[in-house]
Amino acid sequence: MRPMSVGRLARSEPRSSQITIIQPRRLPRVLGALATYVGMALLAVIFLVPLLFEFVGSIKPNDRVLSEGNSWRAFVPTAITFENYGDALARADLARLFINSLIITSSIVVAGIVVNSLFGYALARMTFRGRGLLVGIVVALIIIPFQAIAIPLFFMMAKIELLDTYQVQIVPFIASPFFTFLFYTFFLSIPKELEEAARVDGAGPLTIFWRVVVPLARPVYATVAILSFLFAWGELLWPVLVTRGPEVRPLPLGIAVFQTLPPVQWGDIMAFATVMTLPLLVVFLAFQDAFVRSVARTGIKG
């Protein structure tokens, strides 16, 4: 009987006895990934805990919202009731406030996307004298906070008698230097050959923009839609200055006034806040894929 060679003996060992050992050079990478996931989980908890407290408080009786706020029961609906939503609808005219915010925000988002994308495309593709200076002005305007121009803008709107209207809450926020620059940088990354091919086929500038550029720029449109909706939906300073009555008052100003009305019912306030928060979550969940793709593409391009 021939003795088995050492090589054949090693090859004949069962695979199940092999143990995977992490190489020392891979250990820092594994620890870094683990730390990243732990940090992301902690951030998710930090952001979700207030939302959970808000929603649970909105379906609790008013006397339990604060009495159970110092224990784990603050995040558990020990007694479920939806009377808080009915009280908020009745006491604060929540439906009217919601419609006002929806009209104002949707108008800003839709008009802003059209205006800022056209302006950004003109800066990215058209050649004219002073183009570089105009891009520099757009970048410089980004760093100017709205609070710095709120008072002069208020006097301007008062002079043309636009106070206490929908228009005064919409028009100043349509054109945005930040969103224009965001579109501008994205359009620069689109190959010019695609537009030149469409131009050879006889397409005009607007046709090229709507049929060639816009379909390729869906991620940046989703990003601008989310950010614009977020900024417009939560705007408080400008409505405080330009609105007087409840007819055109948006939700942020409505909740600021509502929480000062006696009697202070924290369950009603939580219900009001939940109604104000839900549209933001819905919009983000609807456009999150395109938003993530846009951020990832920007990060890869540096």
C-alpha atoms as a PDB file:
ATOM      1  CA  MET A   1       0.000   0.000   0.000  1.00  0.00           C
ATOM      2  CA  ARG A   2       1.526   3.320  -1.111  1.00  0.00           C
ATOM      3  CA  PRO A   3       1.794   5.980   1.585  1.00  0.00           C
ATOM      4  CA  MET A   4      -0.299   9.094   0.926  1.00  0.00           C
ATOM      5  CA  SER A   5       1.738  12.156   0.179  1.00  0.00           C
ATOM      6  CA  VAL A   6       1.571  15.187   2.449  1.00  0.00           C
ATOM      7  CA  GLY A   7       0.025  17.320  -0.312  1.00  0.00           C
ATOM      8  CA  ARG A   8      -2.756  14.828  -1.018  1.00  0.00           C
ATOM      9  CA  LEU A   9      -3.383  14.484   2.717  1.00  0.00           C
ATOM     10  CA  ALA A  10      -3.788  18.237   3.070  1.00  0.00           C
ATOM     11  CA  ARG A  11      -6.175  18.363   0.106  1.00  0.00           C
ATOM     12  CA  SER A  12      -8.249  15.526   1.519  1.00  0.00           C
ATOM     13  CA  GLU A  13      -9.109  17.398   4.739  1.00  0.00           C
ATOM     14  CA  PRO A  14     -12.813  18.280   4.998  1.00  0.00           C
ATOM     15  CA  ARG A  15     -13.757  21.829   4.122  1.00  0.00           C
ATOM     16  CA  SER A  16     -15.889  22.194   7.232  1.00  0.00           C
ATOM     17  CA  SER A  17     -12.786  22.205   9.429  1.00  0.00           C
ATOM     18  CA  GLN A  18     -11.416  25.340   7.756  1.00  0.00           C
ATOM     19  CA  ILE A  19     -11.802  28.514   9.879  1.00  0.00           C
ATOM     20  CA  THR A  20     -11.968  31.977   8.325  1.00  0.00           C
ATOM     21  CA  ILE A  21      -9.585  34.312  10.076  1.00  0.00           C
ATOM     22  CA  ILE A  22      -9.743  38.069   9.596  1.00  0.00           C
ATOM     23  CA  GLN A  23      -6.417  39.301   8.344  1.00  0.00           C
ATOM     24  CA  PRO A  24      -4.757  41.953  10.520  1.00  0.00           C
ATOM     25  CA  ARG A  25      -4.748  44.374   7.601  1.00  0.00           C
ATOM     26  CA  ARG A  26      -8.555  44.055   7.241  1.00  0.00           C
ATOM     27  CA  LEU A  27      -9.273  44.533  10.931  1.00  0.00           C
ATOM     28  CA  PRO A  28      -9.191  48.385  10.909  1.00  0.00           C
ATOM     29  CA  ARG A  29     -11.544  48.374   7.912  1.00  0.00           C
ATOM     30  CA  VAL A  30     -13.999  46.072   9.687  1.00  0.00           C
ATOM     31  CA  LEU A  31     -13.849  48.142  12.877  1.00  0.00           C
ATOM     32  CA  GLY A  32     -14.383  51.325  10.865  1.00  0.00           C
ATOM     33  CA  ALA A  33     -17.462  49.885   9.152  1.00  0.00           C
ATOM     34  CA  LEU A  34     -18.810  48.697  12.510  1.00  0.00           C
ATOM     35  CA  ALA A  35     -18.280  52.145  14.044  1.00  0.00           C
ATOM     36  CA  THR A  36     -20.048  53.727  11.058  1.00  0.00           C
ATOM     37  CA  TYR A  37     -23.121  51.509  11.439  1.00  0.00           C
ATOM     38  CA  VAL A  38     -23.231  52.104  15.205  1.00  0.00           C
ATOM     39  CA  GLY A  39     -23.012  55.855  14.659  1.00  0.00           C
ATOM     40  CA  MET A  40     -25.765  55.769  12.022  1.00  0.00           C
ATOM     41  CA  ALA A  41     -27.974  53.730  14.371  1.00  0.00           C
ATOM     42  CA  LEU A  42     -27.446  56.260  17.166  1.00  0.00           C
ATOM     43  CA  LEU A  43     -28.301  59.151  14.828  1.00  0.00           C
ATOM     44  CA  ALA A  44     -31.450  57.333  13.698  1.00  0.00           C
ATOM     45  CA  VAL A  45     -32.506  56.902  17.327  1.00  0.00           C
ATOM     46  CA  ILE A  46     -31.814  60.576  18.079  1.00  0.00           C
ATOM     47  CA  PHE A  47     -34.009  61.680  15.151  1.00  0.00           C
ATOM     48  CA  LEU A  48     -36.785  59.127  15.670  1.00  0.00           C
ATOM     49  CA  VAL A  49     -37.270  59.512  19.439  1.00  0.00           C
ATOM     50  CA  PRO A  50     -38.865  63.010  19.227  1.00  0.00           C
ATOM     51  CA  LEU A  51     -41.141  61.866  16.397  1.00  0.00           C
ATOM     52  CA  LEU A  52     -42.226  58.808  18.396  1.00  0.00           C
ATOM     53  CA  PHE A  53     -42.890  60.946  21.479  1.00  0.00           C
ATOM     54  CA  GLU A  54     -44.889  63.383  19.365  1.00  0.00           C
ATOM     55  CA  PHE A  55     -47.060  60.713  17.730  1.00  0.00           C
ATOM     56  CA  VAL A  56     -47.680  58.779  20.957  1.00  0.00           C
ATOM     57  CA  GLY A  57     -48.555  62.023  22.757  1.00  0.00           C
ATOM     58  CA  SER A  58     -51.068  62.887  20.034  1.00  0.00           C
ATOM     59  CA  ILE A  59     -53.118  59.722  20.714  1.00  0.00           C
ATOM     60  CA  LYS A  60     -53.007  59.958  24.524  1.00  0.00           C
ATOM     61  CA  PRO A  61     -55.436  61.767  26.799  1.00  0.00           C
ATOM     62  CA  ASN A  62     -54.229  65.279  27.624  1.00  0.00           C
ATOM     63  CA  ASP A  63     -53.624  64.507  31.292  1.00  0.00           C
ATOM     64  CA  ARG A  64     -51.181  61.692  30.460  1.00  0.00           C
ATOM     65  CA  VAL A  65     -48.928  63.444  27.941  1.00  0.00           C
ATOM     66  CA  LEU A  66     -46.779  65.176  30.569  1.00  0.00           C
ATOM     67  CA  SER A  67     -47.513  62.955  33.582  1.00  0.00           C
ATOM     68  CA  GLU A  68     -45.918  59.981  31.779  1.00  0.00           C
ATOM     69  CA  GLY A  69     -43.206  62.035  30.105  1.00  0.00           C
ATOM     70  CA  ASN A  70     -40.436  61.082  32.547  1.00  0.00           C
ATOM     71  CA  SER A  71     -40.600  57.316  32.031  1.00  0.00           C
ATOM     72  CA  TRP A  72     -40.725  54.697  29.288  1.00  0.00           C
ATOM     73  CA  ARG A  73     -44.512  55.169  29.182  1.00  0.00           C
ATOM     74  CA  ALA A  74     -43.886  58.392  27.234  1.00  0.00           C
ATOM     75  CA  PHE A  75     -43.242  56.214  24.163  1.00  0.00           C
ATOM     76  CA  VAL A  76     -46.051  53.710  24.735  1.00  0.00           C
ATOM     77  CA  PRO A  77     -49.739  54.553  24.036  1.00  0.00           C
ATOM     78  CA  THR A  78     -51.134  53.418  27.409  1.00  0.00           C
ATOM     79  CA  ALA A  79     -54.582  54.790  26.504  1.00  0.00           C
ATOM     80  CA  ILE A  80     -55.460  55.470  22.856  1.00  0.00           C
ATOM     81  CA  THR A  81     -57.778  58.281  21.842  1.00  0.00           C
ATOM     82  CA  PHE A  82     -58.142  60.394  18.701  1.00  0.00           C
ATOM     83  CA  GLU A  83     -60.042  63.234  20.351  1.00  0.00           C
ATOM     84  CA  ASN A  84     -56.926  65.407  20.214  1.00  0.00           C
ATOM     85  CA  TYR A  85     -57.111  65.567  16.421  1.00  0.00           C
ATOM     86  CA  GLY A  86     -60.767  66.567  16.563  1.00  0.00           C
ATOM     87  CA  ASP A  87     -59.991  69.262  19.132  1.00  0.00           C
ATOM     88  CA  ALA A  88     -57.153  70.615  16.995  1.00  0.00           C
ATOM     89  CA  LEU A  89     -59.408  70.727  13.939  1.00  0.00           C
ATOM     90  CA  ALA A  90     -62.096  72.575  15.876  1.00  0.00           C
ATOM     91  CA  ARG A  91     -60.003  74.942  18.000  1.00  0.00           C
ATOM     92  CA  ALA A  92     -57.272  75.920  15.528  1.00  0.00           C
ATOM     93  CA  ASP A  93     -59.113  75.570  12.190  1.00  0.00           C
ATOM     94  CA  LEU A  94     -56.422  73.049  11.297  1.00  0.00           C
ATOM     95  CA  ALA A  95     -57.924  72.185   7.918  1.00  0.00           C
ATOM     96  CA  ARG A  96     -57.701  75.792   6.702  1.00  0.00           C
ATOM     97  CA  LEU A  97     -54.129  76.157   7.949  1.00  0.00           C
ATOM     98  CA  PHE A  98     -53.145  72.913   6.222  1.00  0.00           C
ATOM     99  CA  ILE A  99     -54.681  74.040   2.906  1.00  0.00           C
ATOM    100  CA  ASN A 100     -52.909  77.409   3.182  1.00  0.00           C
ATOM    101  CA  SER A 101     -49.529  75.727   3.713  1.00  0.00           C
ATOM    102  CA  LEU A 102     -50.201  73.288   0.893  1.00  0.00           C
ATOM    103  CA  ILE A 103     -51.036  76.102  -1.558  1.00  0.00           C
ATOM    104  CA  ILE A 104     -48.022  78.199  -0.557  1.00  0.00           C
ATOM    105  CA  THR A 105     -45.510  75.348  -0.463  1.00  0.00           C
ATOM    106  CA  SER A 106     -46.605  73.614  -3.669  1.00  0.00           C
ATOM    107  CA  SER A 107     -46.550  76.942  -5.543  1.00  0.00           C
ATOM    108  CA  ILE A 108     -43.019  77.682  -4.324  1.00  0.00           C
ATOM    109  CA  VAL A 109     -41.777  74.187  -5.194  1.00  0.00           C
ATOM    110  CA  VAL A 110     -43.283  74.008  -8.696  1.00  0.00           C
ATOM    111  CA  ALA A 111     -42.497  77.577  -9.755  1.00  0.00           C
ATOM    112  CA  GLY A 112     -39.069  77.450  -8.134  1.00  0.00           C
ATOM    113  CA  ILE A 113     -38.092  74.243  -9.934  1.00  0.00           C
ATOM    114  CA  VAL A 114     -39.007  75.757 -13.310  1.00  0.00           C
ATOM    115  CA  VAL A 115     -37.362  79.149 -12.758  1.00  0.00           C
ATOM    116  CA  ASN A 116     -34.187  77.939 -11.052  1.00  0.00           C
ATOM    117  CA  SER A 117     -33.602  75.069 -13.476  1.00  0.00           C
ATOM    118  CA  LEU A 118     -33.972  77.348 -16.521  1.00  0.00           C
ATOM    119  CA  PHE A 119     -31.642  79.921 -14.972  1.00  0.00           C
ATOM    120  CA  GLY A 120     -29.113  77.240 -14.007  1.00  0.00           C
ATOM    121  CA  TYR A 121     -29.209  75.750 -17.501  1.00  0.00           C
ATOM    122  CA  ALA A 122     -28.658  79.173 -19.073  1.00  0.00           C
ATOM    123  CA  LEU A 123     -25.602  79.725 -16.865  1.00  0.00           C
ATOM    124  CA  ALA A 124     -24.236  76.262 -17.649  1.00  0.00           C
ATOM    125  CA  ARG A 125     -24.700  76.245 -21.430  1.00  0.00           C
ATOM    126  CA  MET A 126     -25.176  79.756 -22.806  1.00  0.00           C
ATOM    127  CA  THR A 127     -22.146  81.930 -23.551  1.00  0.00           C
ATOM    128  CA  PHE A 128     -22.555  85.669 -23.098  1.00  0.00           C
ATOM    129  CA  ARG A 129     -20.590  88.598 -21.752  1.00  0.00           C
ATOM    130  CA  GLY A 130     -20.608  88.761 -17.969  1.00  0.00           C
ATOM    131  CA  ARG A 131     -21.539  85.108 -17.499  1.00  0.00           C
ATOM    132  CA  GLY A 132     -18.694  84.484 -15.042  1.00  0.00           C
ATOM    133  CA  LEU A 133     -19.604  87.605 -13.058  1.00  0.00           C
ATOM    134  CA  LEU A 134     -23.241  86.478 -12.910  1.00  0.00           C
ATOM    135  CA  VAL A 135     -22.206  83.053 -11.583  1.00  0.00           C
ATOM    136  CA  GLY A 136     -20.093  84.798  -8.949  1.00  0.00           C
ATOM    137  CA  ILE A 137     -23.047  86.961  -7.912  1.00  0.00           C
ATOM    138  CA  VAL A 138     -25.236  83.846  -7.561  1.00  0.00           C
ATOM    139  CA  VAL A 139     -22.599  82.214  -5.338  1.00  0.00           C
ATOM    140  CA  ALA A 140     -22.245  85.386  -3.265  1.00  0.00           C
ATOM    141  CA  LEU A 141     -26.012  85.619  -2.752  1.00  0.00           C
ATOM    142  CA  ILE A 142     -26.030  82.124  -1.224  1.00  0.00           C
ATOM    143  CA  ILE A 143     -24.180  83.314   1.882  1.00  0.00           C
ATOM    144  CA  ILE A 144     -26.606  86.186   2.561  1.00  0.00           C
ATOM    145  CA  PRO A 145     -29.202  85.006   5.123  1.00  0.00           C
ATOM    146  CA  PHE A 146     -32.848  85.771   4.515  1.00  0.00           C
ATOM    147  CA  GLN A 147     -33.048  87.552   7.877  1.00  0.00           C
ATOM    148  CA  ALA A 148     -30.721  90.237   6.527  1.00  0.00           C
ATOM    149  CA  ILE A 149     -33.159  91.241   3.776  1.00  0.00           C
ATOM    150  CA  ALA A 150     -36.462  90.442   5.506  1.00  0.00           C
ATOM    151  CA  ILE A 151     -37.166  93.990   6.740  1.00  0.00           C
ATOM    152  CA  PRO A 152     -36.381  95.803   3.446  1.00  0.00           C
ATOM    153  CA  LEU A 153     -38.406  93.173   1.603  1.00  0.00           C
ATOM    154  CA  PHE A 154     -41.289  93.679   4.022  1.00  0.00           C
ATOM    155  CA  PHE A 155     -41.383  97.433   3.326  1.00  0.00           C
ATOM    156  CA  MET A 156     -41.257  96.728  -0.411  1.00  0.00           C
ATOM    157  CA  MET A 157     -44.228  94.368  -0.185  1.00  0.00           C
ATOM    158  CA  ALA A 158     -46.127  96.797   2.001  1.00  0.00           C
ATOM    159  CA  LYS A 159     -45.587  99.584  -0.525  1.00  0.00           C
ATOM    160  CA  ILE A 160     -47.118  97.539  -3.342  1.00  0.00           C
ATOM    161  CA  GLU A 161     -49.956  96.409  -1.005  1.00  0.00           C
ATOM    162  CA  LEU A 162     -49.311  92.670  -1.071  1.00  0.00           C
ATOM    163  CA  LEU A 163     -49.400  92.037   2.672  1.00  0.00           C
ATOM    164  CA  ASP A 164     -51.717  89.361   4.042  1.00  0.00           C
ATOM    165  CA  THR A 165     -51.965  87.504   0.722  1.00  0.00           C
ATOM    166  CA  TYR A 166     -50.760  84.226  -0.742  1.00  0.00           C
ATOM    167  CA  GLN A 167     -48.591  86.084  -3.241  1.00  0.00           C
ATOM    168  CA  VAL A 168     -46.440  87.756  -0.598  1.00  0.00           C
ATOM    169  CA  GLN A 169     -45.589  84.341   0.860  1.00  0.00           C
ATOM    170  CA  ILE A 170     -44.821  82.763  -2.529  1.00  0.00           C
ATOM    171  CA  VAL A 171     -43.110  85.251  -4.862  1.00  0.00           C
ATOM    172  CA  PRO A 172     -40.022  86.112  -2.721  1.00  0.00           C
ATOM    173  CA  PHE A 173     -39.057  82.430  -2.448  1.00  0.00           C
ATOM    174  CA  ILE A 174     -39.408  81.287  -6.068  1.00  0.00           C
ATOM    175  CA  ALA A 175     -35.936  82.351  -7.240  1.00  0.00           C
ATOM    176  CA  SER A 176     -33.236  80.817  -5.035  1.00  0.00           C
ATOM    177  CA  PRO A 177     -29.466  81.319  -5.537  1.00  0.00           C
ATOM    178  CA  PHE A 178     -28.731  78.024  -3.804  1.00  0.00           C
ATOM    179  CA  PHE A 179     -31.049  75.959  -6.006  1.00  0.00           C
ATOM    180  CA  THR A 180     -29.895  77.816  -9.118  1.00  0.00           C
ATOM    181  CA  PHE A 181     -26.281  76.960  -8.312  1.00  0.00           C
ATOM    182  CA  LEU A 182     -27.262  73.355  -7.590  1.00  0.00           C
ATOM    183  CA  PHE A 183     -28.862  73.045 -11.029  1.00  0.00           C
ATOM    184  CA  TYR A 184     -25.907  74.855 -12.613  1.00  0.00           C
ATOM    185  CA  THR A 185     -23.323  72.424 -11.223  1.00  0.00           C
ATOM    186  CA  PHE A 186     -25.408  69.404 -12.204  1.00  0.00           C
ATOM    187  CA  PHE A 187     -25.996  70.603 -15.761  1.00  0.00           C
ATOM    188  CA  LEU A 188     -22.251  71.103 -16.197  1.00  0.00           C
ATOM    189  CA  SER A 189     -21.764  67.361 -15.622  1.00  0.00           C
ATOM    190  CA  ILE A 190     -24.088  66.390 -18.514  1.00  0.00           C
ATOM    191  CA  PRO A 191     -22.102  65.647 -21.718  1.00  0.00           C
ATOM    192  CA  LYS A 192     -22.558  68.315 -24.367  1.00  0.00           C
ATOM    193  CA  GLU A 193     -22.522  65.672 -27.100  1.00  0.00           C
ATOM    194  CA  LEU A 194     -26.091  64.663 -26.222  1.00  0.00           C
ATOM    195  CA  GLU A 195     -27.339  68.196 -26.779  1.00  0.00           C
ATOM    196  CA  GLU A 196     -25.303  68.598 -29.954  1.00  0.00           C
ATOM    197  CA  ALA A 197     -26.835  65.428 -31.376  1.00  0.00           C
ATOM    198  CA  ALA A 198     -30.325  66.761 -30.658  1.00  0.00           C
ATOM    199  CA  ARG A 199     -29.364  70.096 -32.226  1.00  0.00           C
ATOM    200  CA  VAL A 200     -28.243  68.330 -35.379  1.00  0.00           C
ATOM    201  CA  ASP A 201     -31.679  66.691 -35.574  1.00  0.00           C
ATOM    202  CA  GLY A 202     -33.249  70.163 -35.610  1.00  0.00           C
ATOM    203  CA  ALA A 203     -34.251  70.555 -31.950  1.00  0.00           C
ATOM    204  CA  GLY A 204     -34.323  74.051 -30.494  1.00  0.00           C
ATOM    205  CA  PRO A 205     -32.944  75.142 -27.093  1.00  0.00           C
ATOM    206  CA  LEU A 206     -36.200  74.612 -25.179  1.00  0.00           C
ATOM    207  CA  THR A 207     -36.839  71.259 -26.872  1.00  0.00           C
ATOM    208  CA  ILE A 208     -33.326  70.111 -25.971  1.00  0.00           C
ATOM    209  CA  PHE A 209     -33.846  71.251 -22.398  1.00  0.00           C
ATOM    210  CA  TRP A 210     -37.217  69.545 -21.835  1.00  0.00           C
ATOM    211  CA  ARG A 211     -36.588  66.336 -23.816  1.00  0.00           C
ATOM    212  CA  VAL A 212     -32.871  65.725 -23.277  1.00  0.00           C
ATOM    213  CA  VAL A 213     -31.629  67.536 -20.184  1.00  0.00           C
ATOM    214  CA  VAL A 214     -34.609  67.254 -17.845  1.00  0.00           C
ATOM    215  CA  PRO A 215     -34.902  63.423 -18.046  1.00  0.00           C
ATOM    216  CA  LEU A 216     -31.195  63.135 -17.212  1.00  0.00           C
ATOM    217  CA  ALA A 217     -31.509  65.570 -14.299  1.00  0.00           C
ATOM    218  CA  ARG A 218     -34.265  63.784 -12.374  1.00  0.00           C
ATOM    219  CA  PRO A 219     -32.063  63.234  -9.283  1.00  0.00           C
ATOM    220  CA  VAL A 220     -31.285  66.934  -8.894  1.00  0.00           C
ATOM    221  CA  TYR A 221     -34.944  67.821  -9.470  1.00  0.00           C
ATOM    222  CA  ALA A 222     -35.915  65.437  -6.669  1.00  0.00           C
ATOM    223  CA  THR A 223     -33.264  66.940  -4.399  1.00  0.00           C
ATOM    224  CA  VAL A 224     -34.455  70.488  -5.056  1.00  0.00           C
ATOM    225  CA  ALA A 225     -38.091  69.441  -4.586  1.00  0.00           C
ATOM    226  CA  ILE A 226     -37.366  67.900  -1.175  1.00  0.00           C
ATOM    227  CA  LEU A 227     -35.224  70.777   0.091  1.00  0.00           C
ATOM    228  CA  SER A 228     -37.570  73.436  -1.270  1.00  0.00           C
ATOM    229  CA  PHE A 229     -40.578  71.723   0.288  1.00  0.00           C
ATOM    230  CA  LEU A 230     -38.731  71.451   3.597  1.00  0.00           C
ATOM    231  CA  PHE A 231     -37.735  75.127   3.668  1.00  0.00           C
ATOM    232  CA  ALA A 232     -41.128  76.439   2.542  1.00  0.00           C
ATOM    233  CA  TRP A 233     -43.204  74.159   4.775  1.00  0.00           C
ATOM    234  CA  GLY A 234     -41.348  75.218   7.927  1.00  0.00           C
ATOM    235  CA  GLU A 235     -40.986  78.952   7.208  1.00  0.00           C
ATOM    236  CA  LEU A 236     -42.066  81.031  10.226  1.00  0.00           C
ATOM    237  CA  LEU A 237     -40.294  84.412  10.216  1.00  0.00           C
ATOM    238  CA  TRP A 238     -41.772  85.714   6.958  1.00  0.00           C
ATOM    239  CA  PRO A 239     -45.417  84.774   7.734  1.00  0.00           C
ATOM    240  CA  VAL A 240     -45.076  86.510  11.111  1.00  0.00           C
ATOM    241  CA  LEU A 241     -44.123  89.727   9.307  1.00  0.00           C
ATOM    242  CA  VAL A 242     -46.555  89.702   6.384  1.00  0.00           C
ATOM    243  CA  THR A 243     -49.765  88.073   7.681  1.00  0.00           C
ATOM    244  CA  ARG A 244     -52.319  89.609  10.006  1.00  0.00           C
ATOM    245  CA  GLY A 245     -55.412  87.411  10.062  1.00  0.00           C
ATOM    246  CA  PRO A 246     -55.943  83.635   9.936  1.00  0.00           C
ATOM    247  CA  GLU A 247     -57.212  83.625   6.326  1.00  0.00           C
ATOM    248  CA  VAL A 248     -53.779  83.025   4.720  1.00  0.00           C
ATOM    249  CA  ARG A 249     -51.868  81.939   7.817  1.00  0.00           C
ATOM    250  CA  PRO A 250     -49.665  78.809   7.286  1.00  0.00           C
ATOM    251  CA  LEU A 251     -49.173  75.901   9.683  1.00  0.00           C
ATOM    252  CA  PRO A 252     -45.931  77.046  11.420  1.00  0.00           C
ATOM    253  CA  LEU A 253     -47.495  80.351  12.431  1.00  0.00           C
ATOM    254  CA  GLY A 254     -50.733  78.564  13.252  1.00  0.00           C
ATOM    255  CA  ILE A 255     -49.084  76.220  15.761  1.00  0.00           C
ATOM    256  CA  ALA A 256     -47.137  79.122  17.278  1.00  0.00           C
ATOM    257  CA  VAL A 257     -50.439  80.899  17.944  1.00  0.00           C
ATOM    258  CA  PHE A 258     -52.330  77.738  18.916  1.00  0.00           C
ATOM    259  CA  GLN A 259     -49.986  76.734  21.744  1.00  0.00           C
ATOM    260  CA  THR A 260     -50.618  80.088  23.466  1.00  0.00           C
ATOM    261  CA  LEU A 261     -54.408  79.732  23.469  1.00  0.00           C
ATOM    262  CA  PRO A 262     -55.957  78.799  26.831  1.00  0.00           C
ATOM    263  CA  PRO A 263     -56.424  76.134  27.948  1.00  0.00           C
ATOM    264  CA  VAL A 264     -53.089  74.650  26.985  1.00  0.00           C
ATOM    265  CA  GLN A 265     -53.794  71.049  25.961  1.00  0.00           C
ATOM    266  CA  TRP A 266     -50.580  69.207  25.150  1.00  0.00           C
ATOM    267  CA  GLY A 267     -52.383  66.359  23.456  1.00  0.00           C
ATOM    268  CA  ASP A 268     -53.950  68.823  21.017  1.00  0.00           C
ATOM    269  CA  ILE A 269     -50.559  70.450  20.416  1.00  0.00           C
ATOM    270  CA  MET A 270     -48.984  67.049  19.709  1.00  0.00           C
ATOM    271  CA  ALA A 271     -51.790  66.243  17.262  1.00  0.00           C
ATOM    272  CA  PHE A 272     -51.231  69.588  15.522  1.00  0.00           C
ATOM    273  CA  ALA A 273     -47.475  68.917  15.311  1.00  0.00           C
ATOM    274  CA  THR A 274     -48.084  65.417  13.922  1.00  0.00           C
ATOM    275  CA  VAL A 275     -50.297  66.768  11.140  1.00  0.00           C
ATOM    276  CA  MET A 276     -47.567  69.278  10.316  1.00  0.00           C
ATOM    277  CA  THR A 277     -44.816  66.634  10.287  1.00  0.00           C
ATOM    278  CA  LEU A 278     -46.494  63.909   8.207  1.00  0.00           C
ATOM    279  CA  PRO A 279     -46.287  65.705   4.805  1.00  0.00           C
ATOM    280  CA  LEU A 280     -42.521  66.106   5.230  1.00  0.00           C
ATOM    281  CA  LEU A 281     -42.108  62.381   5.817  1.00  0.00           C
ATOM    282  CA  VAL A 282     -44.344  61.529   2.858  1.00  0.00           C
ATOM    283  CA  VAL A 283     -42.425  63.807   0.475  1.00  0.00           C
ATOM    284  CA  PHE A 284     -39.057  62.479   1.602  1.00  0.00           C
ATOM    285  CA  LEU A 285     -40.114  58.839   1.317  1.00  0.00           C
ATOM    286  CA  ALA A 286     -41.551  59.497  -2.155  1.00  0.00           C
ATOM    287  CA  PHE A 287     -38.331  61.039  -3.492  1.00  0.00           C
ATOM    288  CA  GLN A 288     -35.677  59.407  -1.304  1.00  0.00           C
ATOM    289  CA  ASP A 289     -34.243  57.149  -4.042  1.00  0.00           C
ATOM    290  CA  ALA A 290     -33.597  60.028  -6.417  1.00  0.00           C
ATOM    291  CA  PHE A 291     -32.317  62.146  -3.514  1.00  0.00           C
ATOM    292  CA  VAL A 292     -29.786  59.494  -2.472  1.00  0.00           C
ATOM    293  CA  ARG A 293     -28.636  59.023  -6.087  1.00  0.00           C
ATOM    294  CA  SER A 294     -28.090  62.757  -6.439  1.00  0.00           C
ATOM    295  CA  VAL A 295     -26.071  62.976  -3.211  1.00  0.00           C
ATOM    296  CA  ALA A 296     -24.052  59.870  -4.136  1.00  0.00           C
ATOM    297  CA  ARG A 297     -23.276  61.221  -7.618  1.00  0.00           C
ATOM    298  CA  THR A 298     -22.179  64.543  -6.171  1.00  0.00           C
ATOM    299  CA  GLY A 299     -19.957  62.779  -3.661  1.00  0.00           C
ATOM    300  CA  ILE A 300     -18.312  60.585  -6.294  1.00  0.00           C
ATOM    301  CA  LYS A 301     -17.569  63.552  -8.528  1.00  0.00           C
ATOM    302  CA  GLY A 302     -16.008  65.370  -5.562  1.00  0.00           C
END
